[in-house]
Amino acid sequence: NGKTVTELGYKVESKDEIHIDEVLLEKENKVYFLLNKP
């Protein structure tokens, strides 16, 4: 919500806006890939 937070135990609610490097954090669909690494 516009305030820099450095406390690891800080708790947030679902309505809170979170920015990382000034970019708004948005939820993504979860994906899971199984790869045969070369």
PDB file of all heavy atoms in Angstrom:
ATOM      1  N   ASN A   1       0.831  -1.221   0.000  1.00  0.00           N
ATOM      2  CA  ASN A   1       0.000   0.000   0.000  1.00  0.00           C
ATOM      3  C   ASN A   1       0.861   1.265   0.000  1.00  0.00           C
ATOM      4  O   ASN A   1       0.602   2.240   0.699  1.00  0.00           O
ATOM      5  CB  ASN A   1      -0.932   0.006   1.209  1.00  0.00           C
ATOM      6  CG  ASN A   1      -1.878  -1.192   1.214  1.00  0.00           C
ATOM      7  OD1 ASN A   1      -2.294  -1.658   0.149  1.00  0.00           O
ATOM      8  ND2 ASN A   1      -2.211  -1.687   2.382  1.00  0.00           N
ATOM      9  N   GLY A   2       1.936   1.220  -0.809  1.00  0.00           N
ATOM     10  CA  GLY A   2       2.798   2.380  -0.986  1.00  0.00           C
ATOM     11  C   GLY A   2       3.889   2.549   0.045  1.00  0.00           C
ATOM     12  O   GLY A   2       4.737   3.449  -0.073  1.00  0.00           O
ATOM     13  N   LYS A   3       3.935   1.667   1.068  1.00  0.00           N
ATOM     14  CA  LYS A   3       4.934   1.769   2.126  1.00  0.00           C
ATOM     15  C   LYS A   3       5.953   0.641   2.003  1.00  0.00           C
ATOM     16  O   LYS A   3       5.590  -0.533   1.902  1.00  0.00           O
ATOM     17  CB  LYS A   3       4.241   1.697   3.487  1.00  0.00           C
ATOM     18  CG  LYS A   3       5.194   1.698   4.673  1.00  0.00           C
ATOM     19  CD  LYS A   3       4.426   1.486   5.967  1.00  0.00           C
ATOM     20  CE  LYS A   3       5.370   1.362   7.161  1.00  0.00           C
ATOM     21  NZ  LYS A   3       4.628   1.080   8.419  1.00  0.00           N
ATOM     22  N   THR A   4       7.239   1.008   2.015  1.00  0.00           N
ATOM     23  CA  THR A   4       8.300   0.001   1.936  1.00  0.00           C
ATOM     24  C   THR A   4       8.309  -0.837   3.213  1.00  0.00           C
ATOM     25  O   THR A   4       8.288  -0.304   4.324  1.00  0.00           O
ATOM     26  CB  THR A   4       9.682   0.665   1.766  1.00  0.00           C
ATOM     27  OG1 THR A   4       9.689   1.403   0.543  1.00  0.00           O
ATOM     28  CG2 THR A   4      10.787  -0.384   1.714  1.00  0.00           C
ATOM     29  N   VAL A   5       8.318  -2.157   3.030  1.00  0.00           N
ATOM     30  CA  VAL A   5       8.313  -3.079   4.163  1.00  0.00           C
ATOM     31  C   VAL A   5       9.587  -3.930   4.115  1.00  0.00           C
ATOM     32  O   VAL A   5       9.909  -4.529   3.090  1.00  0.00           O
ATOM     33  CB  VAL A   5       7.079  -4.005   4.124  1.00  0.00           C
ATOM     34  CG1 VAL A   5       7.156  -5.052   5.232  1.00  0.00           C
ATOM     35  CG2 VAL A   5       5.806  -3.187   4.269  1.00  0.00           C
ATOM     36  N   THR A   6      10.316  -3.982   5.217  1.00  0.00           N
ATOM     37  CA  THR A   6      11.529  -4.799   5.306  1.00  0.00           C
ATOM     38  C   THR A   6      11.426  -5.859   6.394  1.00  0.00           C
ATOM     39  O   THR A   6      12.370  -6.599   6.645  1.00  0.00           O
ATOM     40  CB  THR A   6      12.764  -3.915   5.588  1.00  0.00           C
ATOM     41  OG1 THR A   6      12.544  -3.167   6.786  1.00  0.00           O
ATOM     42  CG2 THR A   6      13.020  -2.959   4.428  1.00  0.00           C
ATOM     43  N   GLU A   7      10.268  -5.947   7.035  1.00  0.00           N
ATOM     44  CA  GLU A   7      10.040  -6.898   8.129  1.00  0.00           C
ATOM     45  C   GLU A   7       9.491  -8.209   7.568  1.00  0.00           C
ATOM     46  O   GLU A   7       8.419  -8.239   6.941  1.00  0.00           O
ATOM     47  CB  GLU A   7       9.041  -6.300   9.121  1.00  0.00           C
ATOM     48  CG  GLU A   7       8.701  -7.219  10.285  1.00  0.00           C
ATOM     49  CD  GLU A   7       7.544  -6.678  11.117  1.00  0.00           C
ATOM     50  OE1 GLU A   7       7.202  -5.481  10.971  1.00  0.00           O
ATOM     51  OE2 GLU A   7       6.971  -7.469  11.893  1.00  0.00           O
ATOM     52  N   LEU A   8      10.216  -9.320   7.809  1.00  0.00           N
ATOM     53  CA  LEU A   8       9.821 -10.608   7.246  1.00  0.00           C
ATOM     54  C   LEU A   8       8.517 -11.136   7.831  1.00  0.00           C
ATOM     55  O   LEU A   8       7.804 -11.885   7.178  1.00  0.00           O
ATOM     56  CB  LEU A   8      10.939 -11.639   7.454  1.00  0.00           C
ATOM     57  CG  LEU A   8      12.236 -11.378   6.687  1.00  0.00           C
ATOM     58  CD1 LEU A   8      13.227 -12.511   6.943  1.00  0.00           C
ATOM     59  CD2 LEU A   8      11.970 -11.248   5.187  1.00  0.00           C
ATOM     60  N   GLY A   9       8.194 -10.769   9.059  1.00  0.00           N
ATOM     61  CA  GLY A   9       6.966 -11.256   9.675  1.00  0.00           C
ATOM     62  C   GLY A   9       5.744 -10.405   9.373  1.00  0.00           C
ATOM     63  O   GLY A   9       4.653 -10.667   9.881  1.00  0.00           O
ATOM     64  N   TYR A  10       5.895  -9.393   8.525  1.00  0.00           N
ATOM     65  CA  TYR A  10       4.797  -8.474   8.214  1.00  0.00           C
ATOM     66  C   TYR A  10       3.644  -9.237   7.565  1.00  0.00           C
ATOM     67  O   TYR A  10       3.846 -10.038   6.654  1.00  0.00           O
ATOM     68  CB  TYR A  10       5.290  -7.375   7.274  1.00  0.00           C
ATOM     69  CG  TYR A  10       4.333  -6.225   7.102  1.00  0.00           C
ATOM     70  CD1 TYR A  10       4.373  -5.129   7.955  1.00  0.00           C
ATOM     71  CD2 TYR A  10       3.389  -6.227   6.069  1.00  0.00           C
ATOM     72  CE1 TYR A  10       3.491  -4.060   7.792  1.00  0.00           C
ATOM     73  CE2 TYR A  10       2.508  -5.176   5.898  1.00  0.00           C
ATOM     74  CZ  TYR A  10       2.567  -4.101   6.761  1.00  0.00           C
ATOM     75  OH  TYR A  10       1.691  -3.047   6.599  1.00  0.00           O
ATOM     76  N   LYS A  11       2.423  -8.978   8.050  1.00  0.00           N
ATOM     77  CA  LYS A  11       1.261  -9.684   7.528  1.00  0.00           C
ATOM     78  C   LYS A  11       0.391  -8.779   6.667  1.00  0.00           C
ATOM     79  O   LYS A  11       0.246  -7.590   6.948  1.00  0.00           O
ATOM     80  CB  LYS A  11       0.442 -10.286   8.665  1.00  0.00           C
ATOM     81  CG  LYS A  11       1.168 -11.412   9.389  1.00  0.00           C
ATOM     82  CD  LYS A  11       0.266 -12.122  10.379  1.00  0.00           C
ATOM     83  CE  LYS A  11       0.988 -13.296  11.011  1.00  0.00           C
ATOM     84  NZ  LYS A  11       0.116 -14.042  11.957  1.00  0.00           N
ATOM     85  N   VAL A  12      -0.157  -9.369   5.613  1.00  0.00           N
ATOM     86  CA  VAL A  12      -0.984  -8.611   4.672  1.00  0.00           C
ATOM     87  C   VAL A  12      -2.352  -9.264   4.528  1.00  0.00           C
ATOM     88  O   VAL A  12      -2.535 -10.443   4.819  1.00  0.00           O
ATOM     89  CB  VAL A  12      -0.309  -8.519   3.286  1.00  0.00           C
ATOM     90  CG1 VAL A  12       0.968  -7.711   3.354  1.00  0.00           C
ATOM     91  CG2 VAL A  12      -0.024  -9.916   2.729  1.00  0.00           C
ATOM     92  N   GLU A  13      -3.321  -8.457   4.067  1.00  0.00           N
ATOM     93  CA  GLU A  13      -4.666  -8.952   3.795  1.00  0.00           C
ATOM     94  C   GLU A  13      -4.836  -9.088   2.288  1.00  0.00           C
ATOM     95  O   GLU A  13      -4.035  -8.566   1.502  1.00  0.00           O
ATOM     96  CB  GLU A  13      -5.711  -7.987   4.364  1.00  0.00           C
ATOM     97  CG  GLU A  13      -5.642  -7.822   5.870  1.00  0.00           C
ATOM     98  CD  GLU A  13      -6.682  -6.843   6.385  1.00  0.00           C
ATOM     99  OE1 GLU A  13      -7.365  -6.213   5.558  1.00  0.00           O
ATOM    100  OE2 GLU A  13      -6.810  -6.709   7.615  1.00  0.00           O
ATOM    101  N   SER A  14      -5.885  -9.777   1.884  1.00  0.00           N
ATOM    102  CA  SER A  14      -6.117 -10.024   0.456  1.00  0.00           C
ATOM    103  C   SER A  14      -6.305  -8.733  -0.339  1.00  0.00           C
ATOM    104  O   SER A  14      -5.968  -8.662  -1.521  1.00  0.00           O
ATOM    105  CB  SER A  14      -7.337 -10.929   0.276  1.00  0.00           C
ATOM    106  OG  SER A  14      -8.486 -10.336   0.863  1.00  0.00           O
ATOM    107  N   LYS A  15      -6.840  -7.685   0.322  1.00  0.00           N
ATOM    108  CA  LYS A  15      -7.104  -6.419  -0.378  1.00  0.00           C
ATOM    109  C   LYS A  15      -5.856  -5.550  -0.528  1.00  0.00           C
ATOM    110  O   LYS A  15      -5.859  -4.572  -1.285  1.00  0.00           O
ATOM    111  CB  LYS A  15      -8.177  -5.631   0.365  1.00  0.00           C
ATOM    112  CG  LYS A  15      -7.766  -5.206   1.765  1.00  0.00           C
ATOM    113  CD  LYS A  15      -8.888  -4.452   2.467  1.00  0.00           C
ATOM    114  CE  LYS A  15      -8.450  -4.021   3.869  1.00  0.00           C
ATOM    115  NZ  LYS A  15      -9.530  -3.282   4.573  1.00  0.00           N
ATOM    116  N   ASP A  16      -4.780  -5.863   0.206  1.00  0.00           N
ATOM    117  CA  ASP A  16      -3.568  -5.035   0.157  1.00  0.00           C
ATOM    118  C   ASP A  16      -2.899  -5.088  -1.211  1.00  0.00           C
ATOM    119  O   ASP A  16      -2.842  -6.154  -1.851  1.00  0.00           O
ATOM    120  CB  ASP A  16      -2.565  -5.495   1.219  1.00  0.00           C
ATOM    121  CG  ASP A  16      -3.018  -5.166   2.626  1.00  0.00           C
ATOM    122  OD1 ASP A  16      -3.772  -4.182   2.781  1.00  0.00           O
ATOM    123  OD2 ASP A  16      -2.632  -5.885   3.559  1.00  0.00           O
ATOM    124  N   GLU A  17      -2.382  -3.930  -1.659  1.00  0.00           N
ATOM    125  CA  GLU A  17      -1.637  -3.863  -2.914  1.00  0.00           C
ATOM    126  C   GLU A  17      -0.150  -4.001  -2.622  1.00  0.00           C
ATOM    127  O   GLU A  17       0.401  -3.297  -1.774  1.00  0.00           O
ATOM    128  CB  GLU A  17      -1.905  -2.534  -3.638  1.00  0.00           C
ATOM    129  CG  GLU A  17      -3.258  -2.462  -4.312  1.00  0.00           C
ATOM    130  CD  GLU A  17      -3.350  -1.297  -5.288  1.00  0.00           C
ATOM    131  OE1 GLU A  17      -2.423  -0.454  -5.305  1.00  0.00           O
ATOM    132  OE2 GLU A  17      -4.339  -1.228  -6.025  1.00  0.00           O
ATOM    133  N   ILE A  18       0.480  -4.912  -3.323  1.00  0.00           N
ATOM    134  CA  ILE A  18       1.904  -5.174  -3.122  1.00  0.00           C
ATOM    135  C   ILE A  18       2.658  -4.834  -4.402  1.00  0.00           C
ATOM    136  O   ILE A  18       2.279  -5.282  -5.496  1.00  0.00           O
ATOM    137  CB  ILE A  18       2.137  -6.655  -2.745  1.00  0.00           C
ATOM    138  CG1 ILE A  18       1.391  -6.985  -1.449  1.00  0.00           C
ATOM    139  CG2 ILE A  18       3.633  -6.953  -2.599  1.00  0.00           C
ATOM    140  CD1 ILE A  18       1.316  -8.465  -1.151  1.00  0.00           C
ATOM    141  N   HIS A  19       3.694  -4.042  -4.273  1.00  0.00           N
ATOM    142  CA  HIS A  19       4.545  -3.701  -5.413  1.00  0.00           C
ATOM    143  C   HIS A  19       5.958  -4.227  -5.172  1.00  0.00           C
ATOM    144  O   HIS A  19       6.480  -4.106  -4.060  1.00  0.00           O
ATOM    145  CB  HIS A  19       4.606  -2.187  -5.629  1.00  0.00           C
ATOM    146  CG  HIS A  19       3.364  -1.604  -6.228  1.00  0.00           C
ATOM    147  ND1 HIS A  19       2.218  -1.384  -5.487  1.00  0.00           N
ATOM    148  CD2 HIS A  19       3.092  -1.192  -7.498  1.00  0.00           C
ATOM    149  CE1 HIS A  19       1.277  -0.870  -6.266  1.00  0.00           C
ATOM    150  NE2 HIS A  19       1.776  -0.739  -7.482  1.00  0.00           N
ATOM    151  N   ILE A  20       6.549  -4.810  -6.198  1.00  0.00           N
ATOM    152  CA  ILE A  20       7.945  -5.233  -6.147  1.00  0.00           C
ATOM    153  C   ILE A  20       8.689  -4.462  -7.233  1.00  0.00           C
ATOM    154  O   ILE A  20       8.338  -4.558  -8.418  1.00  0.00           O
ATOM    155  CB  ILE A  20       8.092  -6.745  -6.381  1.00  0.00           C
ATOM    156  CG1 ILE A  20       7.311  -7.517  -5.302  1.00  0.00           C
ATOM    157  CG2 ILE A  20       9.570  -7.152  -6.373  1.00  0.00           C
ATOM    158  CD1 ILE A  20       7.305  -9.011  -5.497  1.00  0.00           C
ATOM    159  N   ASP A  21       9.681  -3.688  -6.826  1.00  0.00           N
ATOM    160  CA  ASP A  21      10.399  -2.818  -7.764  1.00  0.00           C
ATOM    161  C   ASP A  21       9.414  -1.949  -8.540  1.00  0.00           C
ATOM    162  O   ASP A  21       9.517  -1.801  -9.772  1.00  0.00           O
ATOM    163  CB  ASP A  21      11.270  -3.644  -8.722  1.00  0.00           C
ATOM    164  CG  ASP A  21      12.395  -4.366  -7.997  1.00  0.00           C
ATOM    165  OD1 ASP A  21      12.847  -3.859  -6.955  1.00  0.00           O
ATOM    166  OD2 ASP A  21      12.808  -5.442  -8.465  1.00  0.00           O
ATOM    167  N   GLU A  22       8.427  -1.430  -7.813  1.00  0.00           N
ATOM    168  CA  GLU A  22       7.405  -0.511  -8.352  1.00  0.00           C
ATOM    169  C   GLU A  22       6.415  -1.177  -9.309  1.00  0.00           C
ATOM    170  O   GLU A  22       5.609  -0.510  -9.955  1.00  0.00           O
ATOM    171  CB  GLU A  22       8.068   0.692  -9.057  1.00  0.00           C
ATOM    172  CG  GLU A  22       9.077   1.433  -8.200  1.00  0.00           C
ATOM    173  CD  GLU A  22       8.486   1.967  -6.905  1.00  0.00           C
ATOM    174  OE1 GLU A  22       7.289   2.286  -6.869  1.00  0.00           O
ATOM    175  OE2 GLU A  22       9.248   2.077  -5.915  1.00  0.00           O
ATOM    176  N   VAL A  23       6.463  -2.500  -9.426  1.00  0.00           N
ATOM    177  CA  VAL A  23       5.527  -3.227 -10.300  1.00  0.00           C
ATOM    178  C   VAL A  23       4.501  -3.943  -9.434  1.00  0.00           C
ATOM    179  O   VAL A  23       4.862  -4.660  -8.492  1.00  0.00           O
ATOM    180  CB  VAL A  23       6.267  -4.247 -11.191  1.00  0.00           C
ATOM    181  CG1 VAL A  23       5.270  -5.031 -12.042  1.00  0.00           C
ATOM    182  CG2 VAL A  23       7.290  -3.547 -12.078  1.00  0.00           C
ATOM    183  N   LEU A  24       3.219  -3.754  -9.741  1.00  0.00           N
ATOM    184  CA  LEU A  24       2.143  -4.354  -8.961  1.00  0.00           C
ATOM    185  C   LEU A  24       2.176  -5.877  -9.069  1.00  0.00           C
ATOM    186  O   LEU A  24       2.272  -6.434 -10.156  1.00  0.00           O
ATOM    187  CB  LEU A  24       0.783  -3.838  -9.453  1.00  0.00           C
ATOM    188  CG  LEU A  24      -0.460  -4.394  -8.738  1.00  0.00           C
ATOM    189  CD1 LEU A  24      -0.474  -3.972  -7.261  1.00  0.00           C
ATOM    190  CD2 LEU A  24      -1.732  -3.928  -9.448  1.00  0.00           C
ATOM    191  N   LEU A  25       2.097  -6.513  -7.922  1.00  0.00           N
ATOM    192  CA  LEU A  25       2.085  -7.971  -7.865  1.00  0.00           C
ATOM    193  C   LEU A  25       0.686  -8.485  -8.194  1.00  0.00           C
ATOM    194  O   LEU A  25      -0.293  -8.104  -7.575  1.00  0.00           O
ATOM    195  CB  LEU A  25       2.493  -8.437  -6.467  1.00  0.00           C
ATOM    196  CG  LEU A  25       2.604  -9.946  -6.255  1.00  0.00           C
ATOM    197  CD1 LEU A  25       3.823 -10.495  -6.973  1.00  0.00           C
ATOM    198  CD2 LEU A  25       2.684 -10.250  -4.763  1.00  0.00           C
ATOM    199  N   GLU A  26       0.606  -9.352  -9.163  1.00  0.00           N
ATOM    200  CA  GLU A  26      -0.674  -9.944  -9.552  1.00  0.00           C
ATOM    201  C   GLU A  26      -0.575 -11.452  -9.474  1.00  0.00           C
ATOM    202  O   GLU A  26       0.478 -12.038  -9.749  1.00  0.00           O
ATOM    203  CB  GLU A  26      -1.057  -9.514 -10.979  1.00  0.00           C
ATOM    204  CG  GLU A  26      -1.300  -8.012 -11.116  1.00  0.00           C
ATOM    205  CD  GLU A  26      -1.658  -7.643 -12.543  1.00  0.00           C
ATOM    206  OE1 GLU A  26      -1.605  -8.523 -13.412  1.00  0.00           O
ATOM    207  OE2 GLU A  26      -1.985  -6.466 -12.776  1.00  0.00           O
ATOM    208  N   LYS A  27      -1.678 -12.071  -9.100  1.00  0.00           N
ATOM    209  CA  LYS A  27      -1.681 -13.525  -9.010  1.00  0.00           C
ATOM    210  C   LYS A  27      -1.703 -14.144 -10.398  1.00  0.00           C
ATOM    211  O   LYS A  27      -2.390 -13.683 -11.300  1.00  0.00           O
ATOM    212  CB  LYS A  27      -2.875 -14.018  -8.193  1.00  0.00           C
ATOM    213  CG  LYS A  27      -2.736 -13.758  -6.703  1.00  0.00           C
ATOM    214  CD  LYS A  27      -3.713 -14.596  -5.914  1.00  0.00           C
ATOM    215  CE  LYS A  27      -3.437 -14.477  -4.425  1.00  0.00           C
ATOM    216  NZ  LYS A  27      -4.305 -15.363  -3.624  1.00  0.00           N
ATOM    217  N   GLU A  28      -0.925 -15.213 -10.539  1.00  0.00           N
ATOM    218  CA  GLU A  28      -0.881 -15.944 -11.800  1.00  0.00           C
ATOM    219  C   GLU A  28      -1.484 -17.330 -11.610  1.00  0.00           C
ATOM    220  O   GLU A  28      -1.534 -17.849 -10.487  1.00  0.00           O
ATOM    221  CB  GLU A  28       0.575 -16.108 -12.279  1.00  0.00           C
ATOM    222  CG  GLU A  28       1.291 -14.813 -12.585  1.00  0.00           C
ATOM    223  CD  GLU A  28       2.733 -15.055 -13.013  1.00  0.00           C
ATOM    224  OE1 GLU A  28       3.352 -15.983 -12.487  1.00  0.00           O
ATOM    225  OE2 GLU A  28       3.222 -14.307 -13.865  1.00  0.00           O
ATOM    226  N   ASN A  29      -1.931 -17.909 -12.705  1.00  0.00           N
ATOM    227  CA  ASN A  29      -2.366 -19.295 -12.636  1.00  0.00           C
ATOM    228  C   ASN A  29      -1.155 -20.168 -12.339  1.00  0.00           C
ATOM    229  O   ASN A  29      -0.076 -19.954 -12.890  1.00  0.00           O
ATOM    230  CB  ASN A  29      -2.993 -19.724 -13.973  1.00  0.00           C
ATOM    231  CG  ASN A  29      -4.303 -19.023 -14.235  1.00  0.00           C
ATOM    232  OD1 ASN A  29      -5.065 -18.753 -13.308  1.00  0.00           O
ATOM    233  ND2 ASN A  29      -4.566 -18.723 -15.497  1.00  0.00           N
ATOM    234  N   LYS A  30      -1.335 -21.153 -11.466  1.00  0.00           N
ATOM    235  CA  LYS A  30      -0.233 -22.030 -11.107  1.00  0.00           C
ATOM    236  C   LYS A  30       0.018 -23.032 -12.230  1.00  0.00           C
ATOM    237  O   LYS A  30      -0.916 -23.631 -12.770  1.00  0.00           O
ATOM    238  CB  LYS A  30      -0.560 -22.782  -9.816  1.00  0.00           C
ATOM    239  CG  LYS A  30      -0.878 -21.870  -8.634  1.00  0.00           C
ATOM    240  CD  LYS A  30       0.348 -21.139  -8.149  1.00  0.00           C
ATOM    241  CE  LYS A  30       0.013 -20.190  -7.007  1.00  0.00           C
ATOM    242  NZ  LYS A  30      -0.536 -20.857  -5.823  1.00  0.00           N
ATOM    243  N   VAL A  31       1.302 -23.198 -12.571  1.00  0.00           N
ATOM    244  CA  VAL A  31       1.682 -24.156 -13.609  1.00  0.00           C
ATOM    245  C   VAL A  31       2.809 -25.030 -13.077  1.00  0.00           C
ATOM    246  O   VAL A  31       3.622 -24.597 -12.256  1.00  0.00           O
ATOM    247  CB  VAL A  31       2.129 -23.457 -14.916  1.00  0.00           C
ATOM    248  CG1 VAL A  31       0.959 -22.782 -15.595  1.00  0.00           C
ATOM    249  CG2 VAL A  31       3.255 -22.468 -14.655  1.00  0.00           C
ATOM    250  N   TYR A  32       2.868 -26.267 -13.588  1.00  0.00           N
ATOM    251  CA  TYR A  32       3.864 -27.236 -13.132  1.00  0.00           C
ATOM    252  C   TYR A  32       4.337 -28.035 -14.341  1.00  0.00           C
ATOM    253  O   TYR A  32       3.550 -28.745 -14.972  1.00  0.00           O
ATOM    254  CB  TYR A  32       3.266 -28.187 -12.088  1.00  0.00           C
ATOM    255  CG  TYR A  32       2.525 -27.478 -10.979  1.00  0.00           C
ATOM    256  CD1 TYR A  32       1.174 -27.114 -11.144  1.00  0.00           C
ATOM    257  CD2 TYR A  32       3.146 -27.157  -9.776  1.00  0.00           C
ATOM    258  CE1 TYR A  32       0.485 -26.454 -10.143  1.00  0.00           C
ATOM    259  CE2 TYR A  32       2.457 -26.492  -8.771  1.00  0.00           C
ATOM    260  CZ  TYR A  32       1.133 -26.147  -8.959  1.00  0.00           C
ATOM    261  OH  TYR A  32       0.444 -25.495  -7.965  1.00  0.00           O
ATOM    262  N   PHE A  33       5.623 -27.922 -14.652  1.00  0.00           N
ATOM    263  CA  PHE A  33       6.194 -28.619 -15.799  1.00  0.00           C
ATOM    264  C   PHE A  33       7.219 -29.646 -15.327  1.00  0.00           C
ATOM    265  O   PHE A  33       8.008 -29.376 -14.412  1.00  0.00           O
ATOM    266  CB  PHE A  33       6.892 -27.638 -16.747  1.00  0.00           C
ATOM    267  CG  PHE A  33       5.996 -26.582 -17.326  1.00  0.00           C
ATOM    268  CD1 PHE A  33       6.004 -25.293 -16.820  1.00  0.00           C
ATOM    269  CD2 PHE A  33       5.150 -26.874 -18.389  1.00  0.00           C
ATOM    270  CE1 PHE A  33       5.187 -24.303 -17.354  1.00  0.00           C
ATOM    271  CE2 PHE A  33       4.324 -25.898 -18.931  1.00  0.00           C
ATOM    272  CZ  PHE A  33       4.341 -24.614 -18.407  1.00  0.00           C
ATOM    273  N   LEU A  34       7.215 -30.811 -15.974  1.00  0.00           N
ATOM    274  CA  LEU A  34       8.221 -31.842 -15.711  1.00  0.00           C
ATOM    275  C   LEU A  34       9.113 -31.925 -16.940  1.00  0.00           C
ATOM    276  O   LEU A  34       8.659 -32.250 -18.036  1.00  0.00           O
ATOM    277  CB  LEU A  34       7.538 -33.190 -15.459  1.00  0.00           C
ATOM    278  CG  LEU A  34       8.474 -34.343 -15.077  1.00  0.00           C
ATOM    279  CD1 LEU A  34       9.115 -34.077 -13.714  1.00  0.00           C
ATOM    280  CD2 LEU A  34       7.713 -35.667 -15.059  1.00  0.00           C
ATOM    281  N   LEU A  35      10.398 -31.624 -16.760  1.00  0.00           N
ATOM    282  CA  LEU A  35      11.352 -31.518 -17.874  1.00  0.00           C
ATOM    283  C   LEU A  35      12.449 -32.563 -17.755  1.00  0.00           C
ATOM    284  O   LEU A  35      12.928 -32.856 -16.666  1.00  0.00           O
ATOM    285  CB  LEU A  35      11.978 -30.126 -17.864  1.00  0.00           C
ATOM    286  CG  LEU A  35      13.195 -29.882 -18.776  1.00  0.00           C
ATOM    287  CD1 LEU A  35      12.781 -29.814 -20.234  1.00  0.00           C
ATOM    288  CD2 LEU A  35      13.923 -28.600 -18.363  1.00  0.00           C
ATOM    289  N   ASN A  36      12.848 -33.106 -18.900  1.00  0.00           N
ATOM    290  CA  ASN A  36      14.034 -33.964 -18.973  1.00  0.00           C
ATOM    291  C   ASN A  36      15.205 -33.070 -19.367  1.00  0.00           C
ATOM    292  O   ASN A  36      15.408 -32.779 -20.543  1.00  0.00           O
ATOM    293  CB  ASN A  36      13.832 -35.081 -19.994  1.00  0.00           C
ATOM    294  CG  ASN A  36      15.008 -36.056 -20.022  1.00  0.00           C
ATOM    295  OD1 ASN A  36      16.036 -35.851 -19.365  1.00  0.00           O
ATOM    296  ND2 ASN A  36      14.874 -37.122 -20.808  1.00  0.00           N
ATOM    297  N   LYS A  37      15.940 -32.606 -18.380  1.00  0.00           N
ATOM    298  CA  LYS A  37      17.019 -31.648 -18.608  1.00  0.00           C
ATOM    299  C   LYS A  37      18.188 -32.273 -19.374  1.00  0.00           C
ATOM    300  O   LYS A  37      18.683 -33.330 -19.001  1.00  0.00           O
ATOM    301  CB  LYS A  37      17.520 -31.107 -17.272  1.00  0.00           C
ATOM    302  CG  LYS A  37      18.720 -30.166 -17.389  1.00  0.00           C
ATOM    303  CD  LYS A  37      19.317 -29.875 -16.030  1.00  0.00           C
ATOM    304  CE  LYS A  37      20.639 -29.162 -16.097  1.00  0.00           C
ATOM    305  NZ  LYS A  37      21.705 -29.897 -16.771  1.00  0.00           N
ATOM    306  N   PRO A  38      18.659 -31.581 -20.413  1.00  0.00           N
ATOM    307  CA  PRO A  38      19.853 -32.052 -21.136  1.00  0.00           C
ATOM    308  C   PRO A  38      21.128 -31.535 -20.469  1.00  0.00           C
ATOM    309  O   PRO A  38      21.070 -30.750 -19.510  1.00  0.00           O
ATOM    310  CB  PRO A  38      19.675 -31.438 -22.523  1.00  0.00           C
ATOM    311  CG  PRO A  38      18.947 -30.153 -22.249  1.00  0.00           C
ATOM    312  CD  PRO A  38      18.038 -30.432 -21.082  1.00  0.00           C
TER     313      PRO A  38
END
